[in-house]
Amino acid sequence: MALRSNLLIGLQQKVKSWEVAQAEAARRLGVTQLQLNDLLRSKIDKFSLDMLIDLATHAEISVLAAGDPHHDFSAD
């Protein structure tokens, strides 16, 4: 669960750092706007670990860094 939480937080930070509309952020991640909204609202139960890893890959987030709860993903 910790890795899922860290990935979710990392994805939220990364999306916010892009400073783009939700439609563009969803396109970059390869998800619908509804899925992006769920991610941004921390609805972790809607995301499997596999899906979060896929989203992290789209966002160019290192899954290894996601194991560090103090990593600042917006700087990646």
PDB file of N, CA and C in Angstrom:
ATOM      1  N   MET A   1       0.823  -1.201   0.000  1.00  0.00           N
ATOM      2  CA  MET A   1       0.000   0.000   0.000  1.00  0.00           C
ATOM      3  C   MET A   1       0.864   1.261   0.000  1.00  0.00           C
ATOM      4  N   ALA A   2       2.020   1.208   0.660  1.00  0.00           N
ATOM      5  CA  ALA A   2       2.881   2.388   0.730  1.00  0.00           C
ATOM      6  C   ALA A   2       3.370   2.792  -0.655  1.00  0.00           C
ATOM      7  N   LEU A   3       3.736   1.810  -1.474  1.00  0.00           N
ATOM      8  CA  LEU A   3       4.214   2.132  -2.815  1.00  0.00           C
ATOM      9  C   LEU A   3       3.083   2.748  -3.639  1.00  0.00           C
ATOM     10  N   ARG A   4       1.884   2.199  -3.521  1.00  0.00           N
ATOM     11  CA  ARG A   4       0.735   2.785  -4.239  1.00  0.00           C
ATOM     12  C   ARG A   4       0.519   4.228  -3.795  1.00  0.00           C
ATOM     13  N   SER A   5       0.578   4.473  -2.513  1.00  0.00           N
ATOM     14  CA  SER A   5       0.379   5.834  -1.993  1.00  0.00           C
ATOM     15  C   SER A   5       1.456   6.776  -2.514  1.00  0.00           C
ATOM     16  N   ASN A   6       2.695   6.319  -2.466  1.00  0.00           N
ATOM     17  CA  ASN A   6       3.800   7.166  -2.944  1.00  0.00           C
ATOM     18  C   ASN A   6       3.680   7.446  -4.433  1.00  0.00           C
ATOM     19  N   LEU A   7       3.289   6.446  -5.210  1.00  0.00           N
ATOM     20  CA  LEU A   7       3.096   6.666  -6.642  1.00  0.00           C
ATOM     21  C   LEU A   7       1.970   7.658  -6.890  1.00  0.00           C
ATOM     22  N   LEU A   8       0.874   7.517  -6.166  1.00  0.00           N
ATOM     23  CA  LEU A   8      -0.256   8.429  -6.327  1.00  0.00           C
ATOM     24  C   LEU A   8       0.162   9.865  -6.010  1.00  0.00           C
ATOM     25  N   ILE A   9       0.867  10.048  -4.919  1.00  0.00           N
ATOM     26  CA  ILE A   9       1.339  11.387  -4.535  1.00  0.00           C
ATOM     27  C   ILE A   9       2.296  11.927  -5.587  1.00  0.00           C
ATOM     28  N   GLY A  10       3.203  11.082  -6.048  1.00  0.00           N
ATOM     29  CA  GLY A  10       4.153  11.502  -7.079  1.00  0.00           C
ATOM     30  C   GLY A  10       3.462  11.921  -8.361  1.00  0.00           C
ATOM     31  N   LEU A  11       2.450  11.165  -8.748  1.00  0.00           N
ATOM     32  CA  LEU A  11       1.697  11.523  -9.954  1.00  0.00           C
ATOM     33  C   LEU A  11       0.949  12.838  -9.773  1.00  0.00           C
ATOM     34  N   GLN A  12       0.363  13.034  -8.608  1.00  0.00           N
ATOM     35  CA  GLN A  12      -0.328  14.302  -8.336  1.00  0.00           C
ATOM     36  C   GLN A  12       0.649  15.475  -8.431  1.00  0.00           C
ATOM     37  N   GLN A  13       1.818  15.326  -7.831  1.00  0.00           N
ATOM     38  CA  GLN A  13       2.817  16.399  -7.882  1.00  0.00           C
ATOM     39  C   GLN A  13       3.272  16.671  -9.314  1.00  0.00           C
ATOM     40  N   LYS A  14       3.493  15.599 -10.064  1.00  0.00           N
ATOM     41  CA  LYS A  14       3.964  15.753 -11.439  1.00  0.00           C
ATOM     42  C   LYS A  14       2.921  16.455 -12.296  1.00  0.00           C
ATOM     43  N   VAL A  15       1.665  16.029 -12.185  1.00  0.00           N
ATOM     44  CA  VAL A  15       0.589  16.644 -12.978  1.00  0.00           C
ATOM     45  C   VAL A  15       0.474  18.128 -12.635  1.00  0.00           C
ATOM     46  N   LYS A  16       0.517  18.465 -11.362  1.00  0.00           N
ATOM     47  CA  LYS A  16       0.436  19.876 -10.966  1.00  0.00           C
ATOM     48  C   LYS A  16       1.622  20.674 -11.498  1.00  0.00           C
ATOM     49  N   SER A  17       2.791  20.046 -11.560  1.00  0.00           N
ATOM     50  CA  SER A  17       3.981  20.760 -12.042  1.00  0.00           C
ATOM     51  C   SER A  17       3.916  21.056 -13.541  1.00  0.00           C
ATOM     52  N   TRP A  18       3.111  20.283 -14.279  1.00  0.00           N
ATOM     53  CA  TRP A  18       2.970  20.528 -15.710  1.00  0.00           C
ATOM     54  C   TRP A  18       2.249  21.840 -15.990  1.00  0.00           C
ATOM     55  N   GLU A  19       1.393  22.270 -15.079  1.00  0.00           N
ATOM     56  CA  GLU A  19       0.623  23.505 -15.250  1.00  0.00           C
ATOM     57  C   GLU A  19      -0.117  23.545 -16.586  1.00  0.00           C
ATOM     58  N   VAL A  20      -0.850  22.468 -16.858  1.00  0.00           N
ATOM     59  CA  VAL A  20      -1.661  22.369 -18.079  1.00  0.00           C
ATOM     60  C   VAL A  20      -3.090  22.044 -17.676  1.00  0.00           C
ATOM     61  N   ALA A  21      -3.995  22.180 -18.621  1.00  0.00           N
ATOM     62  CA  ALA A  21      -5.399  21.832 -18.388  1.00  0.00           C
ATOM     63  C   ALA A  21      -5.515  20.327 -18.123  1.00  0.00           C
ATOM     64  N   GLN A  22      -6.580  19.937 -17.424  1.00  0.00           N
ATOM     65  CA  GLN A  22      -6.772  18.525 -17.113  1.00  0.00           C
ATOM     66  C   GLN A  22      -6.870  17.674 -18.375  1.00  0.00           C
ATOM     67  N   ALA A  23      -7.445  18.209 -19.427  1.00  0.00           N
ATOM     68  CA  ALA A  23      -7.553  17.446 -20.672  1.00  0.00           C
ATOM     69  C   ALA A  23      -6.160  17.104 -21.204  1.00  0.00           C
ATOM     70  N   GLU A  24      -5.250  18.053 -21.158  1.00  0.00           N
ATOM     71  CA  GLU A  24      -3.887  17.818 -21.623  1.00  0.00           C
ATOM     72  C   GLU A  24      -3.152  16.851 -20.695  1.00  0.00           C
ATOM     73  N   ALA A  25      -3.322  17.016 -19.402  1.00  0.00           N
ATOM     74  CA  ALA A  25      -2.673  16.115 -18.448  1.00  0.00           C
ATOM     75  C   ALA A  25      -3.174  14.686 -18.647  1.00  0.00           C
ATOM     76  N   ALA A  26      -4.473  14.532 -18.859  1.00  0.00           N
ATOM     77  CA  ALA A  26      -5.041  13.208 -19.099  1.00  0.00           C
ATOM     78  C   ALA A  26      -4.458  12.606 -20.377  1.00  0.00           C
ATOM     79  N   ARG A  27      -4.322  13.414 -21.405  1.00  0.00           N
ATOM     80  CA  ARG A  27      -3.749  12.946 -22.669  1.00  0.00           C
ATOM     81  C   ARG A  27      -2.316  12.468 -22.448  1.00  0.00           C
ATOM     82  N   ARG A  28      -1.522  13.231 -21.696  1.00  0.00           N
ATOM     83  CA  ARG A  28      -0.125  12.859 -21.439  1.00  0.00           C
ATOM     84  C   ARG A  28      -0.024  11.530 -20.690  1.00  0.00           C
ATOM     85  N   LEU A  29      -0.979  11.289 -19.800  1.00  0.00           N
ATOM     86  CA  LEU A  29      -0.951  10.058 -19.012  1.00  0.00           C
ATOM     87  C   LEU A  29      -1.650   8.895 -19.720  1.00  0.00           C
ATOM     88  N   GLY A  30      -2.413   9.200 -20.766  1.00  0.00           N
ATOM     89  CA  GLY A  30      -3.130   8.151 -21.481  1.00  0.00           C
ATOM     90  C   GLY A  30      -4.356   7.657 -20.735  1.00  0.00           C
ATOM     91  N   VAL A  31      -5.017   8.571 -20.009  1.00  0.00           N
ATOM     92  CA  VAL A  31      -6.228   8.230 -19.263  1.00  0.00           C
ATOM     93  C   VAL A  31      -7.340   9.199 -19.639  1.00  0.00           C
ATOM     94  N   THR A  32      -8.541   8.891 -19.171  1.00  0.00           N
ATOM     95  CA  THR A  32      -9.659   9.808 -19.383  1.00  0.00           C
ATOM     96  C   THR A  32      -9.574  10.935 -18.346  1.00  0.00           C
ATOM     97  N   GLN A  33     -10.314  12.001 -18.592  1.00  0.00           N
ATOM     98  CA  GLN A  33     -10.356  13.086 -17.612  1.00  0.00           C
ATOM     99  C   GLN A  33     -10.985  12.620 -16.312  1.00  0.00           C
ATOM    100  N   LEU A  34     -11.944  11.713 -16.386  1.00  0.00           N
ATOM    101  CA  LEU A  34     -12.557  11.169 -15.176  1.00  0.00           C
ATOM    102  C   LEU A  34     -11.521  10.411 -14.344  1.00  0.00           C
ATOM    103  N   GLN A  35     -10.688   9.610 -15.004  1.00  0.00           N
ATOM    104  CA  GLN A  35      -9.634   8.889 -14.287  1.00  0.00           C
ATOM    105  C   GLN A  35      -8.628   9.862 -13.682  1.00  0.00           C
ATOM    106  N   LEU A  36      -8.276  10.895 -14.425  1.00  0.00           N
ATOM    107  CA  LEU A  36      -7.343  11.895 -13.901  1.00  0.00           C
ATOM    108  C   LEU A  36      -7.944  12.584 -12.678  1.00  0.00           C
ATOM    109  N   ASN A  37      -9.219  12.905 -12.751  1.00  0.00           N
ATOM    110  CA  ASN A  37      -9.896  13.534 -11.621  1.00  0.00           C
ATOM    111  C   ASN A  37      -9.844  12.621 -10.394  1.00  0.00           C
ATOM    112  N   ASP A  38     -10.074  11.328 -10.585  1.00  0.00           N
ATOM    113  CA  ASP A  38      -9.974  10.372  -9.483  1.00  0.00           C
ATOM    114  C   ASP A  38      -8.565  10.362  -8.896  1.00  0.00           C
ATOM    115  N   LEU A  39      -7.571  10.420  -9.750  1.00  0.00           N
ATOM    116  CA  LEU A  39      -6.182  10.443  -9.293  1.00  0.00           C
ATOM    117  C   LEU A  39      -5.903  11.707  -8.478  1.00  0.00           C
ATOM    118  N   LEU A  40      -6.339  12.849  -8.986  1.00  0.00           N
ATOM    119  CA  LEU A  40      -6.083  14.118  -8.306  1.00  0.00           C
ATOM    120  C   LEU A  40      -6.863  14.230  -6.992  1.00  0.00           C
ATOM    121  N   ARG A  41      -7.953  13.487  -6.868  1.00  0.00           N
ATOM    122  CA  ARG A  41      -8.756  13.494  -5.637  1.00  0.00           C
ATOM    123  C   ARG A  41      -8.367  12.343  -4.698  1.00  0.00           C
ATOM    124  N   SER A  42      -7.230  11.724  -4.991  1.00  0.00           N
ATOM    125  CA  SER A  42      -6.657  10.663  -4.131  1.00  0.00           C
ATOM    126  C   SER A  42      -7.563   9.451  -3.952  1.00  0.00           C
ATOM    127  N   LYS A  43      -8.308   9.103  -4.968  1.00  0.00           N
ATOM    128  CA  LYS A  43      -9.164   7.916  -4.890  1.00  0.00           C
ATOM    129  C   LYS A  43      -8.328   6.678  -5.220  1.00  0.00           C
ATOM    130  N   ILE A  44      -7.453   6.331  -4.300  1.00  0.00           N
ATOM    131  CA  ILE A  44      -6.459   5.276  -4.513  1.00  0.00           C
ATOM    132  C   ILE A  44      -7.103   3.922  -4.784  1.00  0.00           C
ATOM    133  N   ASP A  45      -8.278   3.692  -4.257  1.00  0.00           N
ATOM    134  CA  ASP A  45      -8.945   2.408  -4.454  1.00  0.00           C
ATOM    135  C   ASP A  45      -9.315   2.157  -5.913  1.00  0.00           C
ATOM    136  N   LYS A  46      -9.292   3.191  -6.732  1.00  0.00           N
ATOM    137  CA  LYS A  46      -9.628   3.048  -8.149  1.00  0.00           C
ATOM    138  C   LYS A  46      -8.413   2.692  -9.003  1.00  0.00           C
ATOM    139  N   PHE A  47      -7.223   2.606  -8.383  1.00  0.00           N
ATOM    140  CA  PHE A  47      -5.990   2.376  -9.135  1.00  0.00           C
ATOM    141  C   PHE A  47      -5.213   1.188  -8.581  1.00  0.00           C
ATOM    142  N   SER A  48      -4.964   0.223  -9.443  1.00  0.00           N
ATOM    143  CA  SER A  48      -4.122  -0.905  -9.052  1.00  0.00           C
ATOM    144  C   SER A  48      -2.662  -0.447  -9.076  1.00  0.00           C
ATOM    145  N   LEU A  49      -1.808  -1.223  -8.451  1.00  0.00           N
ATOM    146  CA  LEU A  49      -0.380  -0.916  -8.489  1.00  0.00           C
ATOM    147  C   LEU A  49       0.124  -0.926  -9.922  1.00  0.00           C
ATOM    148  N   ASP A  50      -0.320  -1.888 -10.719  1.00  0.00           N
ATOM    149  CA  ASP A  50       0.096  -1.956 -12.118  1.00  0.00           C
ATOM    150  C   ASP A  50      -0.284  -0.698 -12.885  1.00  0.00           C
ATOM    151  N   MET A  51      -1.499  -0.221 -12.672  1.00  0.00           N
ATOM    152  CA  MET A  51      -1.936   0.988 -13.381  1.00  0.00           C
ATOM    153  C   MET A  51      -1.121   2.195 -12.944  1.00  0.00           C
ATOM    154  N   LEU A  52      -0.851   2.318 -11.648  1.00  0.00           N
ATOM    155  CA  LEU A  52      -0.053   3.443 -11.157  1.00  0.00           C
ATOM    156  C   LEU A  52       1.364   3.398 -11.724  1.00  0.00           C
ATOM    157  N   ILE A  53       1.920   2.197 -11.858  1.00  0.00           N
ATOM    158  CA  ILE A  53       3.259   2.071 -12.461  1.00  0.00           C
ATOM    159  C   ILE A  53       3.208   2.494 -13.923  1.00  0.00           C
ATOM    160  N   ASP A  54       2.163   2.090 -14.655  1.00  0.00           N
ATOM    161  CA  ASP A  54       2.012   2.519 -16.048  1.00  0.00           C
ATOM    162  C   ASP A  54       1.891   4.041 -16.148  1.00  0.00           C
ATOM    163  N   LEU A  55       1.099   4.634 -15.274  1.00  0.00           N
ATOM    164  CA  LEU A  55       0.943   6.090 -15.282  1.00  0.00           C
ATOM    165  C   LEU A  55       2.269   6.773 -14.944  1.00  0.00           C
ATOM    166  N   ALA A  56       3.012   6.216 -13.999  1.00  0.00           N
ATOM    167  CA  ALA A  56       4.315   6.781 -13.636  1.00  0.00           C
ATOM    168  C   ALA A  56       5.253   6.740 -14.830  1.00  0.00           C
ATOM    169  N   THR A  57       5.187   5.667 -15.601  1.00  0.00           N
ATOM    170  CA  THR A  57       6.020   5.567 -16.805  1.00  0.00           C
ATOM    171  C   THR A  57       5.652   6.659 -17.803  1.00  0.00           C
ATOM    172  N   HIS A  58       4.360   6.874 -18.004  1.00  0.00           N
ATOM    173  CA  HIS A  58       3.904   7.947 -18.906  1.00  0.00           C
ATOM    174  C   HIS A  58       4.363   9.315 -18.405  1.00  0.00           C
ATOM    175  N   ALA A  59       4.407   9.485 -17.100  1.00  0.00           N
ATOM    176  CA  ALA A  59       4.785  10.766 -16.500  1.00  0.00           C
ATOM    177  C   ALA A  59       6.296  10.893 -16.312  1.00  0.00           C
ATOM    178  N   GLU A  60       7.027   9.849 -16.719  1.00  0.00           N
ATOM    179  CA  GLU A  60       8.486   9.817 -16.592  1.00  0.00           C
ATOM    180  C   GLU A  60       8.934   9.929 -15.137  1.00  0.00           C
ATOM    181  N   ILE A  61       8.227   9.204 -14.272  1.00  0.00           N
ATOM    182  CA  ILE A  61       8.572   9.124 -12.856  1.00  0.00           C
ATOM    183  C   ILE A  61       9.258   7.792 -12.618  1.00  0.00           C
ATOM    184  N   SER A  62      10.366   7.818 -11.937  1.00  0.00           N
ATOM    185  CA  SER A  62      11.074   6.590 -11.578  1.00  0.00           C
ATOM    186  C   SER A  62      10.301   5.855 -10.493  1.00  0.00           C
ATOM    187  N   VAL A  63       9.980   4.620 -10.750  1.00  0.00           N
ATOM    188  CA  VAL A  63       9.270   3.827  -9.748  1.00  0.00           C
ATOM    189  C   VAL A  63      10.170   3.607  -8.534  1.00  0.00           C
ATOM    190  N   LEU A  64      11.475   3.562  -8.737  1.00  0.00           N
ATOM    191  CA  LEU A  64      12.401   3.434  -7.606  1.00  0.00           C
ATOM    192  C   LEU A  64      12.306   4.652  -6.699  1.00  0.00           C
ATOM    193  N   ALA A  65      12.177   5.831  -7.277  1.00  0.00           N
ATOM    194  CA  ALA A  65      12.047   7.053  -6.475  1.00  0.00           C
ATOM    195  C   ALA A  65      10.751   7.054  -5.688  1.00  0.00           C
ATOM    196  N   ALA A  66       9.748   6.378  -6.207  1.00  0.00           N
ATOM    197  CA  ALA A  66       8.454   6.332  -5.519  1.00  0.00           C
ATOM    198  C   ALA A  66       8.545   5.595  -4.187  1.00  0.00           C
ATOM    199  N   GLY A  67       9.589   4.808  -4.008  1.00  0.00           N
ATOM    200  CA  GLY A  67       9.780   4.137  -2.737  1.00  0.00           C
ATOM    201  C   GLY A  67      10.273   5.064  -1.653  1.00  0.00           C
ATOM    202  N   ASP A  68      10.696   6.269  -2.041  1.00  0.00           N
ATOM    203  CA  ASP A  68      11.195   7.275  -1.081  1.00  0.00           C
ATOM    204  C   ASP A  68      10.079   8.269  -0.805  1.00  0.00           C
ATOM    205  N   PRO A  69       9.480   8.241   0.371  1.00  0.00           N
ATOM    206  CA  PRO A  69       8.351   9.126   0.659  1.00  0.00           C
ATOM    207  C   PRO A  69       8.691  10.600   0.679  1.00  0.00           C
ATOM    208  N   HIS A  70       9.987  10.948   0.697  1.00  0.00           N
ATOM    209  CA  HIS A  70      10.386  12.346   0.747  1.00  0.00           C
ATOM    210  C   HIS A  70      10.853  12.876  -0.612  1.00  0.00           C
ATOM    211  N   HIS A  71      10.733  12.071  -1.648  1.00  0.00           N
ATOM    212  CA  HIS A  71      11.171  12.483  -2.982  1.00  0.00           C
ATOM    213  C   HIS A  71      10.222  13.540  -3.542  1.00  0.00           C
ATOM    214  N   ASP A  72      10.786  14.587  -4.139  1.00  0.00           N
ATOM    215  CA  ASP A  72       9.979  15.649  -4.761  1.00  0.00           C
ATOM    216  C   ASP A  72       9.838  15.353  -6.242  1.00  0.00           C
ATOM    217  N   PHE A  73       8.693  14.826  -6.653  1.00  0.00           N
ATOM    218  CA  PHE A  73       8.484  14.403  -8.022  1.00  0.00           C
ATOM    219  C   PHE A  73       8.332  15.575  -8.979  1.00  0.00           C
ATOM    220  N   SER A  74       7.956  16.724  -8.479  1.00  0.00           N
ATOM    221  CA  SER A  74       7.779  17.862  -9.371  1.00  0.00           C
ATOM    222  C   SER A  74       9.118  18.329  -9.926  1.00  0.00           C
ATOM    223  N   ALA A  75      10.218  17.938  -9.291  1.00  0.00           N
ATOM    224  CA  ALA A  75      11.546  18.347  -9.749  1.00  0.00           C
ATOM    225  C   ALA A  75      12.119  17.391 -10.798  1.00  0.00           C
ATOM    226  N   ASP A  76      11.474  16.248 -11.027  1.00  0.00           N
ATOM    227  CA  ASP A  76      11.985  15.274 -12.005  1.00  0.00           C
ATOM    228  C   ASP A  76      11.813  15.767 -13.425  1.00  0.00           C
TER     229      ASP A  76
END
